[in-house]
Amino acid sequence: AAYTYAPYHLLDLYVRMAFSEFTVFAFLPALLLAFHNLRARTSRWDIITGALVMAAICTAHTITLMLGPPLLGAYAVTLSMKTPPPRGEARWRWLGRGAAAGALGCALAGFFVVPLFLERDQVNLKIYTAAYFDYQKHFVYPRQLVWGPWGFGMSLEGLKDKMSFRMGLLQIAGTV
């Protein structure tokens, strides 16, 4: 519930109008659940579910496509170390099924992923490091996570932001 009602989701949808990022927020918990289920039992439906969710993530948001697999790999290793394997199965054996689900998901989204990879030299990435889009100018100050004016302006350098970055007190309290 805290994840669903985080103020950042409202900001993403109504201020930034980042529909693809907002959409991927629905798929991330589903992917983690699919991998959790894949670890807990050996069902081919869990592989199919993981593949479908991975394909949805691949087509929904390209930055998550780049960041997701390493984080998913770390989550899979953590699951292997923290949870006992199903009866009669080796601790690390399920990772093959997880890799198959991820690969199948990327293959299902191949119509999007392959051209994205092949035409990566045609994309101007300098825009993300120049002028307004320089990420170094948009780090959030800790106090902005607790309080900030709810505006519909832009993110500016320093504390002059006209948009809110509040996480929500419930979410901050849950991390402590």
N, C-alpha and C. Protein backbone atom coordinates (compact mmCIF):
# COMPACT_ATOMS: atom_id res chain seq x y z
N ALA A 1 0.82 -1.19 0.00
CA ALA A 1 0.00 0.00 0.00
C ALA A 1 0.87 1.26 0.00
N ALA A 2 1.97 1.22 0.76
CA ALA A 2 2.86 2.39 0.81
C ALA A 2 3.50 2.63 -0.56
N TYR A 3 3.82 1.56 -1.27
CA TYR A 3 4.40 1.69 -2.61
C TYR A 3 3.37 2.28 -3.57
N THR A 4 2.16 1.80 -3.49
CA THR A 4 1.11 2.25 -4.40
C THR A 4 0.76 3.71 -4.20
N TYR A 5 0.69 4.15 -2.95
CA TYR A 5 0.24 5.51 -2.67
C TYR A 5 1.38 6.48 -2.42
N ALA A 6 2.57 6.16 -2.86
CA ALA A 6 3.70 7.07 -2.71
C ALA A 6 3.42 8.35 -3.49
N PRO A 7 3.68 9.51 -2.89
CA PRO A 7 3.44 10.77 -3.60
C PRO A 7 4.21 10.89 -4.91
N TYR A 8 5.34 10.19 -5.02
CA TYR A 8 6.12 10.27 -6.26
C TYR A 8 5.32 9.76 -7.45
N HIS A 9 4.47 8.79 -7.25
CA HIS A 9 3.65 8.28 -8.35
C HIS A 9 2.71 9.36 -8.86
N LEU A 10 2.13 10.14 -7.95
CA LEU A 10 1.27 11.25 -8.38
C LEU A 10 2.08 12.29 -9.14
N LEU A 11 3.27 12.58 -8.65
CA LEU A 11 4.14 13.54 -9.31
C LEU A 11 4.49 13.04 -10.71
N ASP A 12 4.82 11.76 -10.81
CA ASP A 12 5.16 11.18 -12.11
C ASP A 12 4.03 11.31 -13.11
N LEU A 13 2.82 11.09 -12.64
CA LEU A 13 1.68 11.09 -13.54
C LEU A 13 1.18 12.50 -13.85
N TYR A 14 1.00 13.32 -12.82
CA TYR A 14 0.33 14.61 -13.01
C TYR A 14 1.26 15.79 -13.26
N VAL A 15 2.51 15.71 -12.80
CA VAL A 15 3.43 16.83 -12.99
C VAL A 15 4.39 16.55 -14.13
N ARG A 16 5.10 15.44 -14.04
CA ARG A 16 6.08 15.11 -15.07
C ARG A 16 5.45 14.52 -16.32
N MET A 17 4.25 13.99 -16.19
CA MET A 17 3.56 13.32 -17.28
C MET A 17 4.43 12.22 -17.90
N ALA A 18 5.12 11.50 -17.03
CA ALA A 18 6.00 10.41 -17.45
C ALA A 18 5.20 9.11 -17.44
N PHE A 19 4.39 8.93 -18.46
CA PHE A 19 3.47 7.80 -18.50
C PHE A 19 4.19 6.46 -18.56
N SER A 20 5.29 6.40 -19.31
CA SER A 20 6.00 5.13 -19.40
C SER A 20 6.62 4.75 -18.06
N GLU A 21 7.18 5.71 -17.36
CA GLU A 21 7.74 5.43 -16.03
C GLU A 21 6.64 5.06 -15.05
N PHE A 22 5.52 5.74 -15.13
CA PHE A 22 4.39 5.43 -14.25
C PHE A 22 3.88 4.02 -14.52
N THR A 23 3.85 3.62 -15.78
CA THR A 23 3.39 2.28 -16.15
C THR A 23 4.31 1.20 -15.61
N VAL A 24 5.61 1.43 -15.68
CA VAL A 24 6.55 0.41 -15.25
C VAL A 24 6.47 0.18 -13.74
N PHE A 25 5.99 1.16 -12.99
CA PHE A 25 5.83 0.97 -11.54
C PHE A 25 4.83 -0.15 -11.22
N ALA A 26 3.92 -0.43 -12.11
CA ALA A 26 2.98 -1.54 -11.89
C ALA A 26 3.64 -2.88 -12.19
N PHE A 27 4.59 -2.89 -13.12
CA PHE A 27 5.21 -4.15 -13.52
C PHE A 27 6.33 -4.61 -12.59
N LEU A 28 7.02 -3.70 -11.93
CA LEU A 28 8.15 -4.09 -11.08
C LEU A 28 7.75 -5.03 -9.94
N PRO A 29 6.71 -4.72 -9.17
CA PRO A 29 6.31 -5.69 -8.13
C PRO A 29 5.86 -7.02 -8.71
N ALA A 30 5.23 -6.99 -9.88
CA ALA A 30 4.80 -8.24 -10.52
C ALA A 30 6.00 -9.08 -10.93
N LEU A 31 7.08 -8.44 -11.39
CA LEU A 31 8.28 -9.18 -11.75
C LEU A 31 8.94 -9.79 -10.52
N LEU A 32 9.02 -9.03 -9.44
CA LEU A 32 9.60 -9.57 -8.20
C LEU A 32 8.75 -10.72 -7.67
N LEU A 33 7.44 -10.60 -7.76
CA LEU A 33 6.56 -11.68 -7.32
C LEU A 33 6.74 -12.92 -8.20
N ALA A 34 6.88 -12.72 -9.50
CA ALA A 34 7.08 -13.86 -10.40
C ALA A 34 8.37 -14.59 -10.06
N PHE A 35 9.43 -13.86 -9.77
CA PHE A 35 10.69 -14.51 -9.40
C PHE A 35 10.61 -15.15 -8.02
N HIS A 36 9.88 -14.54 -7.13
CA HIS A 36 9.67 -15.16 -5.81
C HIS A 36 8.92 -16.48 -5.97
N ASN A 37 7.87 -16.48 -6.78
CA ASN A 37 7.12 -17.71 -7.03
C ASN A 37 7.95 -18.75 -7.77
N LEU A 38 8.81 -18.29 -8.67
CA LEU A 38 9.69 -19.19 -9.40
C LEU A 38 10.67 -19.87 -8.45
N ARG A 39 11.08 -19.17 -7.43
CA ARG A 39 11.98 -19.74 -6.41
C ARG A 39 11.24 -20.71 -5.50
N ALA A 40 10.01 -20.37 -5.14
CA ALA A 40 9.26 -21.17 -4.17
C ALA A 40 8.72 -22.47 -4.76
N ARG A 41 8.43 -22.49 -6.04
CA ARG A 41 7.89 -23.71 -6.66
C ARG A 41 8.46 -23.84 -8.07
N THR A 42 8.29 -24.97 -8.65
CA THR A 42 8.88 -25.22 -9.97
C THR A 42 7.79 -25.35 -11.03
N SER A 43 7.04 -24.29 -11.22
CA SER A 43 5.93 -24.30 -12.17
C SER A 43 6.33 -23.60 -13.46
N ARG A 44 5.95 -24.19 -14.60
CA ARG A 44 6.25 -23.53 -15.87
C ARG A 44 5.42 -22.26 -16.03
N TRP A 45 4.29 -22.17 -15.32
CA TRP A 45 3.46 -20.95 -15.39
C TRP A 45 4.18 -19.77 -14.76
N ASP A 46 5.03 -20.04 -13.79
CA ASP A 46 5.82 -18.96 -13.20
C ASP A 46 6.87 -18.45 -14.18
N ILE A 47 7.43 -19.36 -14.99
CA ILE A 47 8.37 -18.94 -16.03
C ILE A 47 7.65 -18.09 -17.07
N ILE A 48 6.45 -18.52 -17.46
CA ILE A 48 5.67 -17.77 -18.45
C ILE A 48 5.28 -16.41 -17.89
N THR A 49 4.84 -16.38 -16.62
CA THR A 49 4.48 -15.10 -16.00
C THR A 49 5.67 -14.16 -15.93
N GLY A 50 6.82 -14.68 -15.49
CA GLY A 50 8.03 -13.86 -15.44
C GLY A 50 8.41 -13.33 -16.81
N ALA A 51 8.28 -14.17 -17.85
CA ALA A 51 8.62 -13.75 -19.21
C ALA A 51 7.67 -12.66 -19.70
N LEU A 52 6.39 -12.82 -19.44
CA LEU A 52 5.42 -11.80 -19.89
C LEU A 52 5.64 -10.47 -19.18
N VAL A 53 5.91 -10.52 -17.89
CA VAL A 53 6.15 -9.27 -17.15
C VAL A 53 7.45 -8.63 -17.62
N MET A 54 8.47 -9.44 -17.86
CA MET A 54 9.74 -8.90 -18.36
C MET A 54 9.55 -8.27 -19.72
N ALA A 55 8.76 -8.88 -20.59
CA ALA A 55 8.47 -8.29 -21.90
C ALA A 55 7.74 -6.96 -21.75
N ALA A 56 6.81 -6.90 -20.80
CA ALA A 56 6.09 -5.65 -20.57
C ALA A 56 7.04 -4.55 -20.09
N ILE A 57 7.97 -4.90 -19.22
CA ILE A 57 8.95 -3.91 -18.74
C ILE A 57 9.85 -3.45 -19.88
N CYS A 58 10.27 -4.39 -20.72
CA CYS A 58 11.14 -4.05 -21.86
C CYS A 58 10.49 -3.03 -22.78
N THR A 59 9.20 -3.14 -22.98
CA THR A 59 8.53 -2.23 -23.91
C THR A 59 7.98 -0.98 -23.23
N ALA A 60 7.89 -0.98 -21.91
CA ALA A 60 7.29 0.15 -21.22
C ALA A 60 8.26 1.30 -20.98
N HIS A 61 9.51 0.99 -20.61
CA HIS A 61 10.41 2.06 -20.18
C HIS A 61 11.85 1.62 -20.44
N THR A 62 12.54 2.31 -21.33
CA THR A 62 13.87 1.87 -21.75
C THR A 62 14.91 1.98 -20.65
N ILE A 63 14.81 2.97 -19.79
CA ILE A 63 15.79 3.09 -18.71
C ILE A 63 15.64 1.93 -17.73
N THR A 64 14.43 1.52 -17.46
CA THR A 64 14.22 0.36 -16.60
C THR A 64 14.74 -0.90 -17.28
N LEU A 65 14.67 -0.96 -18.58
CA LEU A 65 15.23 -2.08 -19.32
C LEU A 65 16.74 -2.18 -19.08
N MET A 66 17.41 -1.04 -18.94
CA MET A 66 18.85 -1.04 -18.68
C MET A 66 19.15 -1.34 -17.21
N LEU A 67 18.36 -0.81 -16.30
CA LEU A 67 18.64 -0.96 -14.88
C LEU A 67 18.03 -2.22 -14.27
N GLY A 68 16.97 -2.73 -14.87
CA GLY A 68 16.22 -3.85 -14.29
C GLY A 68 16.98 -5.16 -14.17
N PRO A 69 17.62 -5.65 -15.25
CA PRO A 69 18.28 -6.96 -15.15
C PRO A 69 19.36 -7.06 -14.06
N PRO A 70 20.24 -6.06 -13.89
CA PRO A 70 21.20 -6.19 -12.78
C PRO A 70 20.51 -6.22 -11.40
N LEU A 71 19.48 -5.40 -11.24
CA LEU A 71 18.75 -5.41 -9.97
C LEU A 71 18.00 -6.73 -9.78
N LEU A 72 17.45 -7.25 -10.85
CA LEU A 72 16.75 -8.53 -10.78
C LEU A 72 17.73 -9.66 -10.47
N GLY A 73 18.93 -9.59 -11.03
CA GLY A 73 19.96 -10.57 -10.71
C GLY A 73 20.35 -10.53 -9.24
N ALA A 74 20.50 -9.32 -8.70
CA ALA A 74 20.82 -9.18 -7.28
C ALA A 74 19.69 -9.73 -6.41
N TYR A 75 18.45 -9.48 -6.82
CA TYR A 75 17.29 -10.00 -6.09
C TYR A 75 17.28 -11.53 -6.14
N ALA A 76 17.61 -12.11 -7.29
CA ALA A 76 17.63 -13.57 -7.43
C ALA A 76 18.70 -14.19 -6.55
N VAL A 77 19.88 -13.57 -6.50
CA VAL A 77 20.94 -14.08 -5.63
C VAL A 77 20.53 -13.97 -4.17
N THR A 78 19.90 -12.86 -3.80
CA THR A 78 19.42 -12.69 -2.42
C THR A 78 18.38 -13.74 -2.08
N LEU A 79 17.46 -14.00 -3.01
CA LEU A 79 16.46 -15.05 -2.78
C LEU A 79 17.13 -16.40 -2.58
N SER A 80 18.16 -16.68 -3.35
CA SER A 80 18.84 -17.96 -3.24
C SER A 80 19.52 -18.13 -1.89
N MET A 81 20.06 -17.03 -1.38
CA MET A 81 20.78 -17.11 -0.11
C MET A 81 19.83 -17.10 1.09
N LYS A 82 18.71 -16.38 1.00
CA LYS A 82 17.84 -16.18 2.16
C LYS A 82 16.75 -17.23 2.32
N THR A 83 16.23 -17.75 1.22
CA THR A 83 15.11 -18.69 1.33
C THR A 83 15.57 -20.11 1.05
N PRO A 84 15.05 -21.07 1.78
CA PRO A 84 15.44 -22.46 1.53
C PRO A 84 14.87 -22.95 0.20
N PRO A 85 15.60 -23.83 -0.48
CA PRO A 85 15.10 -24.33 -1.76
C PRO A 85 13.92 -25.27 -1.54
N PRO A 86 13.08 -25.44 -2.58
CA PRO A 86 12.01 -26.43 -2.48
C PRO A 86 12.60 -27.82 -2.24
N ARG A 87 11.82 -28.66 -1.66
CA ARG A 87 12.29 -30.00 -1.30
C ARG A 87 12.87 -30.74 -2.51
N GLY A 88 14.08 -31.24 -2.31
CA GLY A 88 14.73 -32.04 -3.34
C GLY A 88 15.41 -31.25 -4.44
N GLU A 89 15.60 -29.96 -4.26
CA GLU A 89 16.22 -29.15 -5.30
C GLU A 89 17.44 -28.43 -4.75
N ALA A 90 18.45 -28.25 -5.59
CA ALA A 90 19.66 -27.54 -5.19
C ALA A 90 19.36 -26.05 -5.02
N ARG A 91 20.14 -25.42 -4.18
CA ARG A 91 19.90 -24.02 -3.84
C ARG A 91 19.95 -23.08 -5.05
N TRP A 92 20.85 -23.29 -5.98
CA TRP A 92 21.06 -22.36 -7.09
C TRP A 92 20.45 -22.84 -8.40
N ARG A 93 19.83 -23.99 -8.42
CA ARG A 93 19.33 -24.57 -9.67
C ARG A 93 18.23 -23.73 -10.31
N TRP A 94 17.42 -23.09 -9.53
CA TRP A 94 16.29 -22.33 -10.05
C TRP A 94 16.74 -21.11 -10.86
N LEU A 95 17.98 -20.68 -10.69
CA LEU A 95 18.45 -19.50 -11.42
C LEU A 95 18.42 -19.73 -12.94
N GLY A 96 18.56 -20.97 -13.37
CA GLY A 96 18.43 -21.27 -14.79
C GLY A 96 17.04 -20.97 -15.31
N ARG A 97 16.02 -21.34 -14.51
CA ARG A 97 14.64 -21.03 -14.90
C ARG A 97 14.40 -19.52 -14.88
N GLY A 98 15.01 -18.83 -13.91
CA GLY A 98 14.89 -17.37 -13.87
C GLY A 98 15.53 -16.71 -15.08
N ALA A 99 16.73 -17.20 -15.45
CA ALA A 99 17.40 -16.68 -16.64
C ALA A 99 16.59 -16.98 -17.90
N ALA A 100 15.98 -18.15 -17.93
CA ALA A 100 15.14 -18.49 -19.09
C ALA A 100 13.93 -17.56 -19.18
N ALA A 101 13.33 -17.24 -18.03
CA ALA A 101 12.18 -16.32 -18.03
C ALA A 101 12.60 -14.94 -18.51
N GLY A 102 13.76 -14.46 -18.04
CA GLY A 102 14.25 -13.15 -18.48
C GLY A 102 14.58 -13.12 -19.95
N ALA A 103 15.26 -14.17 -20.43
CA ALA A 103 15.62 -14.23 -21.85
C ALA A 103 14.38 -14.36 -22.74
N LEU A 104 13.42 -15.17 -22.31
CA LEU A 104 12.18 -15.31 -23.08
C LEU A 104 11.41 -13.99 -23.12
N GLY A 105 11.41 -13.27 -22.00
CA GLY A 105 10.75 -11.96 -21.97
C GLY A 105 11.40 -10.98 -22.93
N CYS A 106 12.73 -10.95 -22.95
CA CYS A 106 13.43 -10.07 -23.89
C CYS A 106 13.18 -10.51 -25.33
N ALA A 107 13.07 -11.82 -25.55
CA ALA A 107 12.79 -12.31 -26.90
C ALA A 107 11.38 -11.91 -27.33
N LEU A 108 10.43 -11.98 -26.41
CA LEU A 108 9.06 -11.56 -26.74
C LEU A 108 9.01 -10.08 -27.10
N ALA A 109 9.86 -9.30 -26.46
CA ALA A 109 9.91 -7.86 -26.74
C ALA A 109 10.97 -7.54 -27.79
N GLY A 110 11.40 -8.54 -28.53
CA GLY A 110 12.45 -8.36 -29.52
C GLY A 110 12.13 -7.34 -30.58
N PHE A 111 10.85 -7.20 -30.92
CA PHE A 111 10.46 -6.20 -31.92
C PHE A 111 10.81 -4.79 -31.47
N PHE A 112 10.99 -4.60 -30.15
CA PHE A 112 11.35 -3.30 -29.60
C PHE A 112 12.82 -3.25 -29.20
N VAL A 113 13.31 -4.32 -28.60
CA VAL A 113 14.66 -4.35 -28.05
C VAL A 113 15.73 -4.42 -29.14
N VAL A 114 15.51 -5.21 -30.17
CA VAL A 114 16.53 -5.37 -31.22
C VAL A 114 16.79 -4.06 -31.96
N PRO A 115 15.77 -3.36 -32.46
CA PRO A 115 16.06 -2.06 -33.10
C PRO A 115 16.66 -1.04 -32.13
N LEU A 116 16.24 -1.11 -30.87
CA LEU A 116 16.80 -0.20 -29.87
C LEU A 116 18.30 -0.44 -29.73
N PHE A 117 18.71 -1.70 -29.72
CA PHE A 117 20.13 -2.04 -29.60
C PHE A 117 20.88 -1.72 -30.89
N LEU A 118 20.32 -2.06 -32.03
CA LEU A 118 21.01 -1.85 -33.30
C LEU A 118 21.16 -0.37 -33.65
N GLU A 119 20.24 0.46 -33.22
CA GLU A 119 20.27 1.88 -33.57
C GLU A 119 20.72 2.76 -32.42
N ARG A 120 21.43 2.18 -31.47
CA ARG A 120 21.85 2.95 -30.29
C ARG A 120 22.80 4.10 -30.65
N ASP A 121 23.55 3.98 -31.75
CA ASP A 121 24.46 5.05 -32.15
C ASP A 121 23.71 6.23 -32.76
N GLN A 122 22.47 6.03 -33.14
CA GLN A 122 21.68 7.09 -33.76
C GLN A 122 20.97 7.97 -32.75
N VAL A 123 21.04 7.59 -31.47
CA VAL A 123 20.35 8.34 -30.42
C VAL A 123 21.30 9.35 -29.81
N ASN A 124 20.86 10.58 -29.68
CA ASN A 124 21.68 11.63 -29.10
C ASN A 124 21.56 11.58 -27.58
N LEU A 125 22.56 11.01 -26.93
CA LEU A 125 22.54 10.90 -25.47
C LEU A 125 23.18 12.11 -24.79
N LYS A 126 23.77 13.01 -25.56
CA LYS A 126 24.41 14.19 -24.97
C LYS A 126 23.40 15.11 -24.31
N ILE A 127 22.15 15.01 -24.73
CA ILE A 127 21.11 15.86 -24.14
C ILE A 127 20.96 15.59 -22.64
N TYR A 128 21.28 14.38 -22.20
CA TYR A 128 21.13 14.04 -20.80
C TYR A 128 22.27 14.54 -19.93
N THR A 129 23.34 15.03 -20.52
CA THR A 129 24.46 15.54 -19.74
C THR A 129 24.71 17.02 -20.00
N ALA A 130 23.86 17.66 -20.76
CA ALA A 130 24.07 19.05 -21.10
C ALA A 130 22.92 19.91 -20.57
N ALA A 131 23.25 21.12 -20.22
CA ALA A 131 22.28 22.15 -19.82
C ALA A 131 21.29 21.64 -18.79
N TYR A 132 19.99 21.78 -19.07
CA TYR A 132 18.95 21.43 -18.10
C TYR A 132 18.99 19.96 -17.72
N PHE A 133 19.31 19.10 -18.64
CA PHE A 133 19.25 17.66 -18.40
C PHE A 133 20.49 17.11 -17.70
N ASP A 134 21.42 17.95 -17.29
CA ASP A 134 22.59 17.47 -16.56
C ASP A 134 22.14 16.93 -15.21
N TYR A 135 22.24 15.62 -15.04
CA TYR A 135 21.73 14.97 -13.84
C TYR A 135 22.41 15.48 -12.57
N GLN A 136 23.62 16.01 -12.66
CA GLN A 136 24.34 16.48 -11.49
C GLN A 136 23.67 17.70 -10.87
N LYS A 137 22.83 18.39 -11.62
CA LYS A 137 22.13 19.57 -11.11
C LYS A 137 20.80 19.22 -10.46
N HIS A 138 20.43 17.96 -10.45
CA HIS A 138 19.10 17.59 -9.99
C HIS A 138 19.10 16.60 -8.83
N PHE A 139 20.19 16.53 -8.09
CA PHE A 139 20.18 15.69 -6.90
C PHE A 139 19.25 16.30 -5.87
N VAL A 140 18.54 15.47 -5.15
CA VAL A 140 17.54 15.94 -4.20
C VAL A 140 18.19 16.10 -2.83
N TYR A 141 17.89 17.21 -2.17
CA TYR A 141 18.35 17.43 -0.80
C TYR A 141 17.47 16.63 0.14
N PRO A 142 18.03 16.10 1.23
CA PRO A 142 17.22 15.28 2.15
C PRO A 142 15.94 15.95 2.63
N ARG A 143 15.99 17.24 2.88
CA ARG A 143 14.78 17.90 3.38
C ARG A 143 13.67 17.98 2.32
N GLN A 144 14.05 17.86 1.04
CA GLN A 144 13.05 17.87 -0.02
C GLN A 144 12.25 16.56 -0.04
N LEU A 145 12.79 15.51 0.57
CA LEU A 145 12.06 14.25 0.63
C LEU A 145 10.92 14.29 1.64
N VAL A 146 11.00 15.23 2.58
CA VAL A 146 9.98 15.35 3.63
C VAL A 146 9.03 16.49 3.34
N TRP A 147 9.55 17.62 2.87
CA TRP A 147 8.71 18.78 2.63
C TRP A 147 9.11 19.42 1.32
N GLY A 148 8.13 19.98 0.66
CA GLY A 148 8.39 20.73 -0.56
C GLY A 148 7.07 21.23 -1.10
N PRO A 149 7.08 22.36 -1.75
CA PRO A 149 5.83 22.88 -2.31
C PRO A 149 5.32 21.97 -3.43
N TRP A 150 4.01 21.77 -3.44
CA TRP A 150 3.43 20.95 -4.50
C TRP A 150 3.13 21.88 -5.66
N GLY A 151 4.06 21.92 -6.59
CA GLY A 151 3.88 22.79 -7.73
C GLY A 151 3.95 22.00 -9.01
N PHE A 152 3.69 22.69 -10.11
CA PHE A 152 3.72 22.06 -11.41
C PHE A 152 4.83 22.64 -12.27
N GLY A 153 5.85 23.17 -11.61
CA GLY A 153 6.98 23.73 -12.34
C GLY A 153 8.03 22.69 -12.63
N MET A 154 9.22 23.17 -12.94
CA MET A 154 10.31 22.28 -13.33
C MET A 154 11.23 22.02 -12.15
N SER A 155 12.03 20.99 -12.31
CA SER A 155 13.10 20.72 -11.36
C SER A 155 14.24 21.67 -11.71
N LEU A 156 14.70 22.41 -10.73
CA LEU A 156 15.77 23.39 -10.94
C LEU A 156 16.97 23.03 -10.08
N GLU A 157 18.06 23.70 -10.33
CA GLU A 157 19.28 23.44 -9.57
C GLU A 157 19.12 23.89 -8.11
N GLY A 158 19.62 23.10 -7.19
CA GLY A 158 19.58 23.45 -5.77
C GLY A 158 18.19 23.29 -5.17
N LEU A 159 17.86 24.20 -4.26
CA LEU A 159 16.57 24.15 -3.56
C LEU A 159 15.51 25.01 -4.22
N LYS A 160 15.73 25.46 -5.44
CA LYS A 160 14.79 26.35 -6.13
C LYS A 160 13.72 25.60 -6.91
N ASP A 161 13.58 24.30 -6.66
CA ASP A 161 12.64 23.49 -7.42
C ASP A 161 11.22 23.98 -7.26
N LYS A 162 10.47 23.88 -8.34
CA LYS A 162 9.06 24.25 -8.31
C LYS A 162 8.17 23.02 -8.35
N MET A 163 8.76 21.85 -8.13
CA MET A 163 8.00 20.61 -8.08
C MET A 163 8.39 19.86 -6.80
N SER A 164 7.53 19.00 -6.34
CA SER A 164 7.76 18.30 -5.08
C SER A 164 8.48 16.98 -5.32
N PHE A 165 9.36 16.64 -4.38
CA PHE A 165 10.04 15.35 -4.40
C PHE A 165 9.70 14.54 -3.15
N ARG A 166 8.61 14.89 -2.50
CA ARG A 166 8.25 14.22 -1.24
C ARG A 166 8.06 12.73 -1.44
N MET A 167 8.63 11.97 -0.53
CA MET A 167 8.42 10.52 -0.53
C MET A 167 7.16 10.18 0.23
N GLY A 168 6.84 10.96 1.22
CA GLY A 168 5.72 10.65 2.09
C GLY A 168 6.23 10.18 3.44
N LEU A 169 5.62 10.68 4.50
CA LEU A 169 6.07 10.33 5.84
C LEU A 169 5.87 8.85 6.13
N LEU A 170 4.80 8.26 5.61
CA LEU A 170 4.55 6.83 5.82
C LEU A 170 5.65 5.99 5.19
N GLN A 171 6.10 6.37 3.99
CA GLN A 171 7.15 5.62 3.33
C GLN A 171 8.49 5.80 4.05
N ILE A 172 8.78 7.00 4.52
CA ILE A 172 10.04 7.24 5.24
C ILE A 172 10.03 6.47 6.55
N ALA A 173 8.90 6.49 7.27
CA ALA A 173 8.80 5.75 8.53
C ALA A 173 8.95 4.24 8.31
N GLY A 174 8.50 3.76 7.18
CA GLY A 174 8.61 2.33 6.88
C GLY A 174 10.03 1.88 6.57
N THR A 175 10.90 2.80 6.18
CA THR A 175 12.28 2.44 5.89
C THR A 175 13.15 2.40 7.12
N VAL A 176 12.68 2.96 8.21
CA VAL A 176 13.50 3.02 9.44
C VAL A 176 13.40 1.75 10.21
